[in-house]
Protein backbone atom coordinates (compact mmCIF):
# COMPACT_ATOMS: atom_id res chain seq x y z
CA MET A 1 0.00 0.00 0.00
CA VAL A 2 1.10 3.55 -0.67
CA GLU A 3 1.89 5.50 2.48
CA LYS A 4 -0.23 8.63 2.48
CA PRO A 5 0.84 12.02 3.78
CA THR A 6 -0.23 12.51 7.36
CA ASP A 7 -2.48 15.49 6.68
CA GLU A 8 -6.05 14.65 5.81
CA ASN A 9 -6.83 18.21 4.71
CA ALA A 10 -4.56 18.12 1.68
CA SER A 11 -5.69 20.31 -1.15
CA GLN A 12 -7.85 18.94 -3.91
CA PRO A 13 -6.36 17.97 -7.27
CA VAL A 14 -5.17 20.91 -9.26
CA THR A 15 -3.75 21.32 -12.68
CA THR A 16 0.03 21.20 -12.57
CA ASN A 17 2.01 23.41 -14.87
CA HIS A 18 4.42 20.65 -15.82
CA PRO A 19 6.91 22.77 -17.79
CA SER A 20 7.25 24.97 -14.69
CA ALA A 21 7.90 21.93 -12.50
CA LYS A 22 10.46 20.63 -14.97
CA GLU A 23 12.13 24.02 -15.13
CA LYS A 24 12.35 24.08 -11.33
CA MET A 25 13.94 20.63 -11.34
CA LEU A 26 16.47 21.62 -14.01
CA ARG A 27 17.34 24.90 -12.27
CA GLY A 28 17.63 23.20 -8.90
CA SER A 29 19.67 20.37 -10.37
CA ALA A 30 21.98 22.93 -11.99
CA TRP A 31 22.70 24.60 -8.63
CA MET A 32 23.07 21.35 -6.75
CA THR A 33 25.19 19.85 -9.51
CA ALA A 34 27.46 22.88 -9.58
CA GLY A 35 27.90 22.82 -5.82
CA SER A 36 28.35 19.06 -5.58
CA VAL A 37 30.66 18.71 -8.57
CA PHE A 38 32.87 21.67 -7.71
CA SER A 39 33.19 20.49 -4.12
CA ARG A 40 33.98 16.97 -5.34
CA ILE A 41 36.53 18.30 -7.82
CA LEU A 42 38.17 20.31 -5.05
CA GLY A 43 38.08 17.18 -2.93
CA ALA A 44 39.95 15.33 -5.65
CA ILE A 45 42.41 18.06 -6.66
CA TYR A 46 43.76 18.50 -3.13
CA ILE A 47 44.92 14.89 -3.34
CA ILE A 48 47.79 15.89 -5.67
CA PRO A 49 49.82 17.94 -3.14
CA TRP A 50 48.41 16.05 -0.13
CA TYR A 51 49.48 12.70 -1.59
CA THR A 52 52.87 14.08 -2.64
CA TRP A 53 53.68 15.53 0.79
CA LEU A 54 53.03 12.14 2.43
CA GLY A 55 55.96 10.81 0.42
CA LYS A 56 56.76 7.13 0.95
CA ASP A 57 53.82 6.85 3.36
CA SER A 58 51.25 7.98 0.76
CA LEU A 59 49.35 4.70 0.43
CA ALA A 60 49.60 3.91 4.15
CA GLY A 61 48.36 7.40 5.04
CA ASN A 62 45.52 7.21 2.54
CA ALA A 63 44.51 3.79 3.87
CA LEU A 64 44.38 5.20 7.42
CA TYR A 65 42.39 8.21 6.23
CA THR A 66 39.93 5.98 4.32
CA LYS A 67 39.40 3.65 7.29
CA GLY A 68 38.57 6.63 9.50
CA TYR A 69 36.04 8.04 7.06
CA THR A 70 34.40 4.65 6.48
CA LEU A 71 33.30 4.40 10.12
CA TYR A 72 32.63 8.14 10.39
CA SER A 73 30.24 7.99 7.43
CA VAL A 74 28.08 5.45 9.24
CA PHE A 75 27.92 7.58 12.40
CA LEU A 76 27.22 10.66 10.32
CA MET A 77 24.24 8.99 8.67
CA ILE A 78 22.95 7.82 12.06
CA SER A 79 23.38 11.29 13.59
CA ILE A 80 21.67 12.95 10.66
CA ALA A 81 19.08 10.11 10.74
CA GLY A 82 17.72 11.05 7.33
CA ILE A 83 16.11 14.13 8.87
CA PRO A 84 17.35 16.71 6.30
CA SER A 85 15.75 14.79 3.41
CA ALA A 86 12.65 14.17 5.47
CA VAL A 87 12.43 17.87 6.37
CA ALA A 88 12.78 18.89 2.70
CA LYS A 89 10.00 16.47 1.82
CA GLN A 90 7.67 17.55 4.65
CA VAL A 91 8.32 21.28 4.15
CA ALA A 92 7.45 20.91 0.45
CA HIS A 93 4.34 18.96 1.51
CA TYR A 94 3.16 21.76 3.84
CA ASN A 95 4.10 24.52 1.39
CA ALA A 96 2.00 22.84 -1.31
CA GLN A 97 -1.00 23.35 1.03
CA ASN A 98 -0.08 27.01 1.70
CA GLU A 99 0.87 26.09 5.28
CA TYR A 100 4.28 27.77 5.33
CA ALA A 101 4.09 28.49 9.06
CA VAL A 102 3.84 24.77 9.86
CA GLY A 103 6.91 23.98 7.75
CA GLN A 104 8.93 26.72 9.43
CA ARG A 105 7.86 25.49 12.86
CA LEU A 106 8.96 22.01 11.83
CA PHE A 107 12.42 23.36 10.96
CA LYS A 108 12.87 25.21 14.26
CA LYS A 109 11.80 22.25 16.38
CA SER A 110 13.99 19.89 14.36
CA LEU A 111 17.11 21.96 15.09
CA LEU A 112 17.07 20.84 18.72
CA VAL A 113 16.57 17.20 17.68
CA MET A 114 19.48 17.37 15.25
CA LEU A 115 21.78 18.96 17.81
CA ALA A 116 20.93 16.18 20.28
CA PHE A 117 21.57 13.50 17.64
CA GLY A 118 24.91 15.09 16.82
CA VAL A 119 26.11 15.24 20.43
CA ILE A 120 25.01 11.65 21.09
CA GLY A 121 26.65 10.39 17.91
CA ALA A 122 29.92 12.21 18.67
CA THR A 123 30.00 10.84 22.23
CA VAL A 124 29.34 7.24 21.16
CA MET A 125 31.92 7.34 18.37
CA TRP A 126 34.53 8.78 20.75
CA LEU A 127 33.89 6.10 23.37
CA ILE A 128 33.80 3.02 21.10
CA ALA A 129 36.85 4.00 19.01
CA PRO A 130 39.29 1.83 21.05
CA LEU A 131 37.14 -1.32 20.87
CA SER A 132 38.91 -4.08 18.95
CA PHE A 133 35.98 -4.93 16.68
CA ILE A 134 35.86 -1.28 15.58
CA SER A 135 39.57 -0.53 15.20
CA LEU A 136 40.39 -4.07 14.00
CA GLY A 137 43.35 -4.05 16.37
CA GLU A 138 45.00 -1.00 14.74
CA LYS A 139 45.90 1.62 17.38
CA ASP A 140 46.70 4.29 14.78
CA VAL A 141 43.07 4.49 13.69
CA ILE A 142 41.69 5.36 17.19
CA PRO A 143 42.73 9.07 17.27
CA VAL A 144 41.53 9.37 13.65
CA PHE A 145 38.06 8.16 14.68
CA ARG A 146 38.02 10.62 17.57
CA SER A 147 39.10 13.60 15.47
CA LEU A 148 36.18 12.87 13.15
CA ALA A 149 33.74 12.44 16.04
CA VAL A 150 33.93 16.18 16.82
CA ALA A 151 32.45 17.04 13.41
CA LEU A 152 29.29 15.10 14.25
CA ILE A 153 28.22 17.93 16.57
CA VAL A 154 28.03 20.51 13.75
CA ILE A 155 27.23 18.63 10.53
CA PRO A 156 23.70 17.44 11.43
CA VAL A 157 22.53 21.02 12.10
CA MET A 158 24.14 22.18 8.86
CA SER A 159 22.51 19.37 6.87
CA LEU A 160 19.10 20.09 8.38
CA THR A 161 19.32 23.74 7.33
CA ARG A 162 20.17 22.66 3.79
CA GLY A 163 17.12 20.40 3.78
CA PHE A 164 14.88 23.29 4.89
CA PHE A 165 15.91 25.45 1.93
CA GLN A 166 15.56 22.48 -0.44
CA GLY A 167 11.95 22.16 0.71
CA TYR A 168 11.44 25.62 -0.84
CA GLN A 169 13.14 24.41 -4.04
CA ASP A 170 15.93 26.89 -3.23
CA MET A 171 19.11 24.97 -3.97
CA PHE A 172 21.53 27.91 -4.02
CA PRO A 173 22.34 27.99 -0.26
CA SER A 174 22.93 24.23 -0.21
CA ALA A 175 25.24 24.44 -3.21
CA LEU A 176 27.17 27.43 -1.83
CA SER A 177 27.55 25.93 1.65
CA GLN A 178 28.85 22.67 0.16
CA LEU A 179 31.45 24.60 -1.79
CA ILE A 180 32.54 26.73 1.19
CA GLU A 181 32.61 23.70 3.49
CA GLN A 182 34.89 21.84 1.11
CA LEU A 183 37.12 24.86 0.49
CA VAL A 184 37.68 25.54 4.20
CA ARG A 185 38.26 21.84 4.88
CA ILE A 186 40.86 21.53 2.12
CA ILE A 187 42.75 24.67 3.14
CA TYR A 188 43.06 23.33 6.69
CA MET A 189 44.12 19.89 5.42
CA LEU A 190 46.81 21.20 3.12
CA VAL A 191 48.21 23.74 5.57
CA THR A 192 48.50 21.20 8.39
CA MET A 193 49.84 18.49 6.08
CA TYR A 194 52.57 20.80 4.76
CA LEU A 195 53.56 22.01 8.23
CA ILE A 196 53.71 18.53 9.76
CA MET A 197 55.34 16.60 6.91
CA GLN A 198 57.46 19.22 5.12
CA ILE A 199 58.39 21.79 7.78
CA LEU A 200 58.38 19.80 11.04
CA HIS A 201 59.14 16.40 9.40
CA GLY A 202 56.64 14.72 11.69
CA ASN A 203 54.96 11.34 11.31
CA TYR A 204 52.15 10.70 8.85
CA GLN A 205 49.74 9.51 11.57
CA LEU A 206 49.63 13.01 13.10
CA ALA A 207 49.12 14.55 9.67
CA ILE A 208 46.16 12.23 9.00
CA ILE A 209 44.59 13.14 12.36
CA HIS A 210 44.59 16.81 11.34
CA SER A 211 43.33 15.91 7.85
CA THR A 212 40.29 14.24 9.40
CA LEU A 213 39.80 17.03 11.97
CA ALA A 214 39.37 19.26 8.90
CA ALA A 215 35.82 17.88 8.57
CA PHE A 216 34.87 19.84 11.73
CA VAL A 217 36.59 23.02 10.54
CA GLY A 218 34.91 22.80 7.12
CA ALA A 219 31.50 22.20 8.68
CA LEU A 220 31.83 25.45 10.65
CA GLY A 221 32.45 27.28 7.37
CA GLY A 222 29.46 25.68 5.64
CA LEU A 223 27.14 26.37 8.58
CA SER A 224 28.23 30.02 8.70
CA ILE A 225 27.08 30.54 5.10
CA LEU A 226 23.69 28.97 5.82
CA ILE A 227 23.18 31.18 8.91
CA TRP A 228 24.03 34.24 6.84
CA TYR A 229 21.59 33.21 4.07
CA TYR A 230 18.80 32.45 6.57
CA TRP A 231 19.27 35.94 8.07
CA ARG A 232 18.96 37.47 4.60
CA LYS A 233 15.78 35.49 3.87
CA HIS A 234 14.21 35.96 7.30
CA ALA A 235 11.82 38.75 6.24
CA GLU A 236 10.65 36.81 3.19
CA LEU A 237 10.09 33.63 5.22
CA ARG A 238 8.17 35.59 7.84
CA ALA A 239 5.92 37.08 5.15
CA LEU A 240 5.13 33.61 3.79
CA ALA A 241 4.30 32.39 7.28
CA LEU A 242 1.91 35.30 7.87
CA GLN A 243 0.00 34.64 4.64
CA SER A 244 -0.40 30.92 5.38
CA ALA A 245 -3.89 29.41 5.19
CA GLY A 246 -3.79 28.52 8.89
CA LYS A 247 -6.30 25.70 8.46
CA LEU A 248 -3.92 22.96 9.52
CA GLN A 249 -3.58 22.65 13.28
CA VAL A 250 -0.73 20.33 14.21
CA LYS A 251 0.86 19.92 17.64
CA ASP A 252 4.63 20.20 17.99
CA SER A 253 4.83 16.59 19.14
CA LYS A 254 2.93 15.46 16.03
CA ILE A 255 5.23 17.46 13.76
CA ILE A 256 8.34 15.93 15.33
CA TYR A 257 6.85 12.42 15.27
CA ASP A 258 5.90 12.63 11.58
CA MET A 259 9.31 14.00 10.70
CA LEU A 260 11.11 11.21 12.58
CA ALA A 261 8.84 8.57 11.03
CA GLN A 262 9.72 9.89 7.57
CA SER A 263 13.43 10.05 8.43
CA VAL A 264 13.95 6.38 9.33
CA PRO A 265 13.73 5.10 5.72
CA PHE A 266 15.85 8.04 4.56
CA VAL A 267 18.70 7.07 6.89
CA LEU A 268 18.77 3.50 5.61
CA ILE A 269 18.66 4.56 1.98
CA GLY A 270 21.00 7.50 2.52
CA ALA A 271 23.48 5.23 4.27
CA SER A 272 23.19 2.53 1.58
CA THR A 273 26.47 3.23 -0.20
CA THR A 274 28.12 3.85 3.17
CA LEU A 275 26.94 0.45 4.40
CA TYR A 276 28.25 -1.13 1.20
CA ASN A 277 31.63 0.52 1.87
CA GLN A 278 31.48 -0.57 5.50
CA LEU A 279 31.01 -4.18 4.39
CA ASP A 280 34.12 -3.80 2.22
CA TYR A 281 36.04 -2.46 5.23
CA PHE A 282 35.13 -5.38 7.49
CA THR A 283 35.52 -8.18 4.89
CA PHE A 284 38.33 -7.22 2.51
CA LYS A 285 41.30 -7.50 4.88
CA PRO A 286 40.12 -10.66 6.73
CA THR A 287 39.23 -12.40 3.44
CA LEU A 288 42.56 -11.81 1.70
CA THR A 289 44.52 -12.44 4.91
CA ARG A 290 42.98 -15.91 5.09
CA PHE A 291 42.63 -16.88 1.43
CA SER A 292 45.67 -15.26 -0.22
CA ASN A 293 49.43 -15.11 0.20
CA ASP A 294 49.53 -11.30 -0.01
CA SER A 295 51.32 -9.39 2.74
CA LEU A 296 49.40 -7.09 5.07
CA ARG A 297 51.00 -4.05 3.40
CA THR A 298 49.85 -5.25 -0.04
CA ILE A 299 46.30 -5.84 1.22
CA ASN A 300 46.17 -2.37 2.78
CA ASP A 301 47.50 -0.86 -0.45
CA LEU A 302 44.80 -2.60 -2.49
CA TYR A 303 42.15 -1.35 -0.06
CA ALA A 304 43.54 2.19 -0.32
CA ILE A 305 43.34 1.97 -4.12
CA PHE A 306 39.72 0.85 -4.58
CA ALA A 307 38.14 2.29 -1.40
CA GLY A 308 40.23 5.46 -1.16
CA ASN A 309 41.94 6.66 -4.33
CA ASP A 310 39.43 5.50 -6.93
CA ASN A 311 36.38 6.10 -4.76
CA LYS A 312 37.28 9.79 -4.41
CA LEU A 313 37.29 10.17 -8.19
CA ILE A 314 34.11 8.27 -9.04
CA MET A 315 32.25 10.16 -6.31
CA ILE A 316 32.66 13.25 -8.50
CA ILE A 317 30.20 11.78 -11.00
CA VAL A 318 28.07 10.07 -8.34
CA ALA A 319 27.60 13.55 -6.87
CA LEU A 320 25.66 14.39 -10.03
CA ALA A 321 23.06 11.76 -9.14
CA SER A 322 22.87 13.01 -5.55
CA ALA A 323 22.21 16.54 -6.82
CA MET A 324 19.37 15.35 -9.05
CA ALA A 325 17.84 13.33 -6.23
CA ALA A 326 17.95 16.27 -3.80
CA THR A 327 16.09 18.42 -6.33
CA ALA A 328 13.52 15.82 -7.41
CA VAL A 329 12.24 14.76 -3.96
CA PRO A 330 10.51 18.01 -2.82
CA LEU A 331 9.02 18.61 -6.29
CA LEU A 332 7.74 15.06 -6.50
CA SER A 333 6.35 15.26 -2.97
CA ALA A 334 4.48 18.46 -3.84
CA ALA A 335 2.94 16.85 -6.96
CA TYR A 336 1.97 13.79 -4.95
CA THR A 337 0.36 15.93 -2.24
CA LYS A 338 -1.78 17.61 -4.93
CA LYS A 339 -2.75 14.14 -6.25
CA ASP A 340 -1.39 15.03 -9.69
CA GLN A 341 -0.78 11.49 -10.99
CA GLN A 342 0.29 12.58 -14.46
CA GLY A 343 2.66 15.13 -12.94
CA VAL A 344 4.19 12.41 -10.75
CA ALA A 345 4.73 10.08 -13.72
CA ASP A 346 6.22 12.86 -15.85
CA GLN A 347 8.58 14.06 -13.13
CA ILE A 348 9.88 10.53 -12.56
CA ALA A 349 10.55 10.18 -16.29
CA ASP A 350 12.16 13.64 -16.43
CA ALA A 351 14.49 12.78 -13.53
CA LEU A 352 15.55 9.50 -15.15
CA GLU A 353 16.19 11.16 -18.51
CA LEU A 354 18.28 13.84 -16.83
CA PHE A 355 20.22 11.12 -15.02
CA MET A 356 20.94 9.25 -18.26
CA ILE A 357 22.00 12.26 -20.34
CA ILE A 358 24.54 13.31 -17.68
CA MET A 359 25.69 10.11 -15.98
CA LEU A 360 26.18 7.81 -18.99
CA PRO A 361 28.77 9.96 -20.80
CA CYS A 362 30.49 10.89 -17.52
CA SER A 363 30.82 7.27 -16.45
CA LEU A 364 32.02 5.96 -19.79
CA GLY A 365 34.25 9.00 -20.28
CA MET A 366 35.98 8.46 -16.92
CA ALA A 367 36.57 4.81 -17.81
CA ALA A 368 38.19 5.87 -21.07
CA VAL A 369 40.58 8.43 -19.51
CA ALA A 370 41.35 6.34 -16.40
CA LYS A 371 45.09 6.12 -17.11
CA PRO A 372 46.01 9.83 -17.33
CA LEU A 373 43.37 10.70 -14.71
CA TYR A 374 44.86 8.35 -12.11
CA ILE A 375 48.41 9.49 -12.85
CA VAL A 376 47.47 13.19 -12.54
CA PHE A 377 45.87 12.74 -9.12
CA TYR A 378 48.16 10.07 -7.71
CA GLN A 379 51.05 8.44 -9.58
CA TYR A 380 51.44 5.61 -12.05
CA ASN A 381 50.03 2.40 -10.62
CA PHE A 382 49.04 -0.41 -12.97
CA THR A 383 46.41 -1.87 -10.64
CA GLY A 384 45.03 1.53 -9.64
CA ILE A 385 44.42 2.52 -13.28
CA PHE A 386 42.43 -0.61 -14.14
CA VAL A 387 40.49 -0.52 -10.87
CA LEU A 388 39.56 3.12 -11.57
CA SER A 389 38.32 2.20 -15.05
CA PHE A 390 36.17 -0.57 -13.58
CA SER A 391 34.95 1.70 -10.75
CA ALA A 392 33.71 4.21 -13.33
CA TYR A 393 31.27 1.61 -14.69
CA ILE A 394 30.08 0.77 -11.15
CA ALA A 395 29.29 4.47 -10.64
CA LEU A 396 26.26 3.98 -12.92
CA PRO A 397 24.30 1.55 -10.71
CA ILE A 398 25.37 3.58 -7.63
CA GLY A 399 24.02 6.80 -9.11
CA LEU A 400 20.86 5.17 -10.45
CA PHE A 401 20.11 3.70 -7.02
CA ILE A 402 20.45 7.13 -5.38
CA VAL A 403 17.98 8.67 -7.85
CA LEU A 404 15.45 5.81 -7.88
CA SER A 405 15.35 5.36 -4.11
CA SER A 406 14.88 9.11 -3.63
CA LEU A 407 12.05 9.16 -6.18
CA LEU A 408 10.42 6.23 -4.41
CA GLN A 409 10.51 8.08 -1.10
CA GLY A 410 9.21 11.21 -2.84
CA ILE A 411 5.90 9.37 -3.40
CA TYR A 412 5.85 8.06 0.19
CA GLN A 413 6.95 4.53 -0.69
CA ASN A 414 9.45 4.53 2.17
CA LYS A 415 9.01 0.93 3.28
CA ARG A 416 9.29 -0.34 -0.27
CA ALA A 417 12.52 1.61 -0.79
CA VAL A 418 14.00 0.02 2.33
CA GLN A 419 12.87 -3.46 1.28
CA TYR A 420 14.47 -3.14 -2.15
CA PHE A 421 17.70 -1.85 -0.59
CA LEU A 422 17.83 -4.80 1.82
CA VAL A 423 17.35 -7.29 -1.03
CA GLY A 424 20.27 -5.75 -2.92
CA PHE A 425 22.44 -5.61 0.19
CA LEU A 426 21.75 -9.30 0.89
CA ILE A 427 22.89 -10.13 -2.65
CA LYS A 428 26.15 -8.23 -2.09
CA LEU A 429 26.62 -10.02 1.21
CA LEU A 430 26.30 -13.41 -0.51
CA VAL A 431 28.74 -12.72 -3.35
CA GLN A 432 31.21 -10.45 -1.50
CA VAL A 433 33.65 -13.06 -0.16
CA PRO A 434 33.84 -15.37 -3.23
CA LEU A 435 34.29 -12.39 -5.58
CA THR A 436 36.99 -10.89 -3.32
CA ILE A 437 38.87 -14.21 -3.27
CA CYS A 438 38.73 -14.49 -7.07
CA LEU A 439 39.12 -10.84 -8.12
CA LYS A 440 40.75 -9.14 -5.08
CA ALA A 441 40.27 -5.35 -5.41
CA PHE A 442 37.75 -5.80 -8.24
CA GLY A 443 35.62 -8.20 -6.17
CA PRO A 444 33.98 -5.76 -3.72
CA LEU A 445 33.27 -3.35 -6.58
CA LEU A 446 31.56 -6.02 -8.66
CA ALA A 447 29.58 -7.19 -5.63
CA THR A 448 28.38 -3.60 -5.12
CA GLY A 449 27.34 -3.30 -8.76
CA ILE A 450 25.41 -6.58 -8.66
CA GLY A 451 23.61 -5.76 -5.41
CA LEU A 452 22.58 -2.27 -6.47
CA MET A 453 21.41 -3.40 -9.91
CA VAL A 454 19.06 -5.91 -8.29
CA SER A 455 17.59 -3.06 -6.21
CA ASN A 456 17.39 -0.81 -9.29
CA ILE A 457 15.49 -3.40 -11.32
CA LEU A 458 12.96 -3.89 -8.52
CA MET A 459 12.39 -0.12 -8.22
CA LEU A 460 12.01 0.39 -11.98
CA ARG A 461 9.52 -2.47 -12.05
CA TYR A 462 7.46 -0.79 -9.34
CA PHE A 463 7.45 2.59 -11.12
CA TYR A 464 6.34 0.88 -14.33
CA PHE A 465 3.32 -0.85 -12.79
CA ALA A 466 2.31 1.59 -10.02
CA CYS A 467 3.09 4.97 -11.64
CA HIS A 468 2.56 4.02 -15.29
CA LEU A 469 6.11 5.00 -16.17
CA ASP A 470 6.50 5.43 -19.93
CA LEU A 471 9.26 2.90 -20.60
CA ASN A 472 9.00 3.28 -24.37
CA ARG A 473 9.87 6.96 -24.05
CA LEU A 474 12.74 6.18 -21.67
CA LEU A 475 14.14 3.36 -23.79
CA GLY A 476 14.06 5.54 -26.89
CA ARG A 477 16.04 8.27 -25.16
CA PHE A 478 18.34 5.71 -23.53
CA ASN A 479 19.30 4.21 -26.91
CA GLN A 480 20.22 7.63 -28.29
CA ILE A 481 22.18 8.63 -25.21
CA LEU A 482 24.00 5.28 -25.12
CA ILE A 483 25.08 5.59 -28.76
CA PHE A 484 26.38 9.13 -28.23
CA SER A 485 28.10 8.09 -24.98
CA LEU A 486 29.82 5.14 -26.65
CA LEU A 487 31.01 7.45 -29.43
CA THR A 488 32.42 9.79 -26.76
CA PHE A 489 34.09 6.80 -25.08
CA LEU A 490 35.72 5.70 -28.34
CA VAL A 491 36.96 9.19 -29.20
CA ALA A 492 38.58 9.64 -25.78
CA LEU A 493 40.03 6.12 -25.88
CA VAL A 494 41.59 6.68 -29.32
CA VAL A 495 43.20 9.93 -28.12
CA ILE A 496 44.66 8.13 -25.08
CA PHE A 497 45.92 5.24 -27.22
CA ILE A 498 47.64 7.50 -29.77
CA ALA A 499 49.16 9.65 -27.03
CA SER A 500 50.49 6.62 -25.16
CA GLN A 501 52.27 5.45 -28.31
CA MET A 502 54.03 8.77 -28.73
CA LEU A 503 54.50 10.05 -25.17
CA ASP A 504 55.41 8.77 -21.73
CA LEU A 505 52.21 9.21 -19.74
CA GLU A 506 53.92 8.35 -16.46
CA PHE A 507 54.90 12.01 -16.20
CA ARG A 508 52.13 13.97 -14.47
CA LEU A 509 52.32 17.07 -16.68
CA ILE A 510 52.13 15.04 -19.89
CA SER A 511 49.21 13.03 -18.52
CA PHE A 512 47.42 16.25 -17.61
CA VAL A 513 47.71 17.63 -21.14
CA VAL A 514 46.52 14.34 -22.65
CA LEU A 515 43.65 14.17 -20.13
CA VAL A 516 42.42 17.65 -21.03
CA LEU A 517 42.67 16.88 -24.75
CA ALA A 518 40.88 13.51 -24.54
CA ALA A 519 38.15 14.70 -22.15
CA GLY A 520 37.63 17.95 -24.05
CA LEU A 521 37.37 16.29 -27.46
CA GLY A 522 35.08 13.57 -26.13
CA ALA A 523 32.83 16.12 -24.41
CA PHE A 524 32.60 18.21 -27.58
CA VAL A 525 31.59 15.17 -29.65
CA TYR A 526 28.88 14.27 -27.13
CA LEU A 527 27.59 17.84 -26.91
CA TYR A 528 27.53 18.15 -30.72
CA CYS A 529 25.56 14.90 -31.11
CA CYS A 530 23.02 15.89 -28.44
CA LEU A 531 22.50 19.34 -29.95
CA LYS A 532 22.45 18.20 -33.56
CA SER A 533 19.88 15.46 -32.90
CA ARG A 534 17.76 17.81 -30.71
CA LEU A 535 18.04 15.26 -27.89
CA ALA A 536 19.24 18.00 -25.54
CA ASP A 537 16.11 20.06 -26.34
CA GLN A 538 13.84 17.14 -25.47
CA VAL A 539 15.52 16.39 -22.14
CA ILE A 540 16.81 19.76 -20.92
CA GLY A 541 14.50 22.21 -22.68
CA ARG A 542 14.48 24.90 -25.33
CA ARG A 543 17.16 27.00 -23.66
CA VAL A 544 19.88 24.85 -25.22
CA ALA A 545 18.93 26.34 -28.59
CA GLY A 546 21.08 29.32 -27.66
CA LEU A 547 24.08 27.05 -27.24
CA ARG A 548 23.40 25.54 -30.65
CA LYS A 549 23.54 29.02 -32.20
CA ILE A 550 26.83 29.81 -30.45
CA LEU A 551 28.39 26.59 -31.82
CA HIS A 552 26.83 27.19 -35.28
CA ILE A 553 25.04 23.83 -35.27
CA LYS A 554 22.01 23.65 -37.56
């Protein structure tokens, strides 16, 4: 059964101006994409000096850093408890009924809940850090866990505030705060890394502790921007609250209860990729220690490659899917509240088309340029290059799962989203160990891809039958996008192949030039095909016609 919104006084069906809804989704996705991608790019670029300054301890330091963040991500999701996404959804739900005052009251009451969750999460993480089943017997990781625990106090409040603005379909403050948070975090990381490793010639463990403490420093920067933006918008928000219908009378306890009830599925779905990574953390080392002859250093290096190095790069394109999901949920929730069934079906199709036209070429393109890309950010490593190429393909099911599960929750199918996630996670659990034994670093990645694709198929099947999703329309667009993406892949691959025959790509500067050339030429080919065929007009809208004129494409 479909879970209905809690309010029984929802407005009657109205006619939805679908182009306006689509325009909102595209504009919101643009802001969220810009913020997410730029912050992810910054988060990848800093690796170049950071990795270099670690010197001979680069892989060991990155492995320690990755282990710390793997556990921290789980605690972060628990502390946040899915509340920001739930708040965005509920605020959009109340706003659609012209009950702005209720949504704003929800936000203010939730701030105290989020602060409590953050303090509790930070305390628990600090206290359990020394336990052997958490640290896996590695003493160096304990202070790393504790330096990250401090950030749990600030980040939940910051995330909640982002969710509040997203409920108003205002994605700019979220995008800007993400960018500032990442910028402040990276500056602190690089300054402390340089001082400890290059000036003071200290040990890499201390440098990693400060690199993880940077999460707290960055969060303060991101929260400051949101407070400033809320102060600027205060008069406007107050005016909306005063003009509210005032027909909906809801107690504070009811508001908090409904918000928490909505948040539980969000935390499980939001933590899905984190839980997948956590399974890798707890199974990879024990599996290879028992079933292979590899040394502990080799096993840690392999873990650093697929869970640390390559994961940082593919998360740049996965961030695109997260941005689309964050934009789609409040819009979809508003359409569902108004009982606009056609609007719901169209918005689901629009979100999936937008996902395909962006994610397919990005994923295949990253796979094609994996060699120079890995060398630019790290250094030449035969295994790392091939694992990155494979990881780029796995980014597709990861991104699709983020979008589909968010869309499912946007129409109040929370329990179903959790069920489908659990089925996929069980599949990964079953194939994880045998694939790791056979394929080593590739095994956990393949297990993730298989598990998430099972979940994706189940969700697409539900949308088809329950929401009358137009699969013929989607398949037609998918075929076009796939052909153009494969052409982009081949163009980039040919450039890399020719360059590797003439130049030594092991030099970072040469690899950078080749990377820019291959990625730029591939992107131009894809853009030309989308504009020439009018595919971009169908998916993104008529505004791309201006770009076609600039490029003189008829």
